[in-house]
Amino acid sequence: MSLDKIIGIASTGMNAQMVRLNSTASNMANASTVGSSKETAYKAKRPVFEALLREEQLNQGSPYIGGVKVAGMVDDTAVNRKILDPGNPKADKDGFVFASNVNEVTEMVEMMAAGRSYQNNVEVVNTAKVLMTRTLELTKV
């Protein structure tokens, strides 16, 4: 496997983890928002990853078999809590608002896992670079 493929595969992993981290940041930013109905209340977003295993899955954005791509984003299916808050301008006729379904603990775990996965892919790139440098040094002898 050539160096450009190794770096390319690792970069698809880093890109996927950045999308994961961005969705986590968006979820955390909207954790305390409320809506006037279940439909308008914020729902946490989750990226869906797809392993690139076949030639027909490749495109210009992810040209390396063995990499990963973001297949899409889905809404978390957790229930939005109904809260009695008659003074809230978004309250319905019965005085209820609907909180986002973001769980801060889950988001922190997602954030730490995304950061760790990103670090692992950076290590792959660094290791490949060191191996190539050592190979070039052998040719100088």
Protein backbone atom coordinates (compact mmCIF):
# COMPACT_ATOMS: atom_id res chain seq x y z
CA MET A 1 0.00 0.00 0.00
CA SER A 2 1.42 3.35 -0.97
CA LEU A 3 1.88 6.29 1.34
CA ASP A 4 -0.82 8.36 -0.38
CA LYS A 5 -3.38 5.57 0.21
CA ILE A 6 -2.45 5.31 3.89
CA ILE A 7 -2.74 9.07 4.37
CA GLY A 8 -5.92 9.14 2.28
CA ILE A 9 -7.62 6.44 4.32
CA ALA A 10 -6.60 8.11 7.58
CA SER A 11 -7.84 11.47 6.29
CA THR A 12 -11.28 9.99 5.57
CA GLY A 13 -11.35 8.85 9.20
CA MET A 14 -10.33 12.30 10.42
CA ASN A 15 -12.99 13.92 8.24
CA ALA A 16 -15.66 11.56 9.59
CA GLN A 17 -14.68 12.32 13.19
CA MET A 18 -14.79 16.07 12.52
CA VAL A 19 -18.37 15.68 11.27
CA ARG A 20 -19.14 13.70 14.44
CA LEU A 21 -17.56 16.41 16.59
CA ASN A 22 -19.45 19.18 14.76
CA SER A 23 -22.77 17.40 15.28
CA THR A 24 -21.93 16.97 18.97
CA ALA A 25 -21.14 20.69 19.25
CA SER A 26 -24.46 21.53 17.58
CA ASN A 27 -26.29 19.20 19.94
CA MET A 28 -24.64 20.75 23.00
CA ALA A 29 -25.42 24.26 21.77
CA ASN A 30 -29.11 23.33 21.46
CA ALA A 31 -29.36 21.28 24.66
CA SER A 32 -31.35 23.92 26.54
CA THR A 33 -33.61 25.07 23.71
CA VAL A 34 -37.36 24.49 23.78
CA GLY A 35 -40.05 24.28 21.15
CA SER A 36 -43.79 24.74 21.15
CA SER A 37 -44.42 21.16 19.95
CA LYS A 38 -42.67 17.82 19.61
CA GLU A 39 -42.13 18.57 15.92
CA THR A 40 -40.46 21.95 16.49
CA ALA A 41 -38.33 20.89 19.47
CA TYR A 42 -34.66 20.28 18.69
CA LYS A 43 -33.67 16.67 18.08
CA ALA A 44 -30.06 15.58 18.52
CA LYS A 45 -28.24 14.81 15.27
CA ARG A 46 -26.12 11.71 14.69
CA PRO A 47 -23.83 11.06 11.70
CA VAL A 48 -24.11 7.72 9.91
CA PHE A 49 -20.77 6.34 8.71
CA GLU A 50 -20.25 3.93 5.84
CA ALA A 51 -17.14 1.82 5.27
CA LEU A 52 -15.75 2.13 1.74
CA LEU A 53 -15.23 -1.51 0.79
CA ARG A 54 -16.03 -1.62 -2.94
CA GLU A 55 -14.87 0.35 -5.96
CA GLU A 56 -18.42 1.53 -6.78
CA GLN A 57 -18.69 3.30 -3.40
CA LEU A 58 -15.87 5.69 -4.25
CA ASN A 59 -16.25 9.27 -5.46
CA GLN A 60 -14.13 12.43 -5.59
CA GLY A 61 -14.67 13.11 -1.87
CA SER A 62 -13.39 9.75 -0.67
CA PRO A 63 -11.26 7.97 -3.28
CA TYR A 64 -9.71 5.25 -1.06
CA ILE A 65 -10.99 1.71 -0.52
CA GLY A 66 -10.70 1.00 3.20
CA GLY A 67 -11.70 4.51 4.21
CA VAL A 68 -14.94 5.79 5.65
CA LYS A 69 -17.51 8.32 4.51
CA VAL A 70 -20.41 10.10 6.13
CA ALA A 71 -23.49 8.53 4.54
CA GLY A 72 -25.85 11.05 6.16
CA MET A 73 -27.24 12.55 9.33
CA VAL A 74 -30.19 11.21 11.30
CA ASP A 75 -32.24 12.60 14.17
CA ASP A 76 -31.94 10.89 17.54
CA THR A 77 -35.19 9.06 18.31
CA ALA A 78 -35.17 9.83 22.05
CA VAL A 79 -38.37 11.46 23.31
CA ASN A 80 -38.53 15.22 23.83
CA ARG A 81 -39.59 16.01 27.40
CA LYS A 82 -42.80 17.97 27.98
CA ILE A 83 -42.31 20.74 30.56
CA LEU A 84 -44.94 22.92 32.21
CA ASP A 85 -43.81 26.53 31.71
CA PRO A 86 -46.87 28.76 31.20
CA GLY A 87 -44.74 31.95 31.25
CA ASN A 88 -42.66 30.88 28.27
CA PRO A 89 -43.58 32.62 25.01
CA LYS A 90 -43.25 29.27 23.20
CA ALA A 91 -45.72 27.53 25.53
CA ASP A 92 -48.75 25.88 23.94
CA LYS A 93 -52.33 26.63 25.00
CA ASP A 94 -51.94 24.32 28.00
CA GLY A 95 -48.69 26.02 29.12
CA PHE A 96 -46.30 23.28 28.00
CA VAL A 97 -43.02 23.52 26.08
CA PHE A 98 -40.97 20.66 24.68
CA ALA A 99 -37.29 20.41 25.61
CA SER A 100 -34.63 19.14 23.23
CA ASN A 101 -33.83 15.44 23.46
CA VAL A 102 -30.10 16.11 23.93
CA ASN A 103 -28.48 14.14 26.74
CA GLU A 104 -25.35 16.02 27.84
CA VAL A 105 -23.66 12.87 29.20
CA THR A 106 -24.13 11.07 25.88
CA GLU A 107 -22.77 14.09 24.03
CA MET A 108 -19.66 14.22 26.24
CA VAL A 109 -19.01 10.52 25.55
CA GLU A 110 -19.48 11.16 21.80
CA MET A 111 -17.09 14.10 21.99
CA MET A 112 -14.38 12.12 23.79
CA ALA A 113 -14.77 9.14 21.43
CA ALA A 114 -14.58 11.39 18.35
CA GLY A 115 -11.46 13.09 19.71
CA ARG A 116 -9.82 9.76 20.45
CA SER A 117 -10.63 8.36 17.01
CA TYR A 118 -9.27 11.52 15.40
CA GLN A 119 -6.03 11.16 17.41
CA ASN A 120 -5.70 7.54 16.29
CA ASN A 121 -5.92 8.57 12.64
CA VAL A 122 -3.32 11.31 13.19
CA GLU A 123 -1.03 8.64 14.68
CA VAL A 124 -1.47 6.52 11.55
CA VAL A 125 -0.32 9.46 9.41
CA ASN A 126 2.63 10.19 11.72
CA THR A 127 3.71 6.54 11.76
CA ALA A 128 3.55 6.34 7.96
CA LYS A 129 5.63 9.50 7.73
CA VAL A 130 8.28 8.11 10.10
CA LEU A 131 8.44 4.83 8.18
CA MET A 132 8.87 6.67 4.88
CA THR A 133 11.59 8.87 6.34
CA ARG A 134 13.46 5.81 7.62
CA THR A 135 13.11 4.15 4.23
CA LEU A 136 14.60 7.22 2.53
CA GLU A 137 17.47 7.23 5.01
CA LEU A 138 18.30 3.62 4.04
CA THR A 139 18.79 4.68 0.42
CA LYS A 140 21.44 7.22 1.47
CA VAL A 141 23.79 4.51 2.73
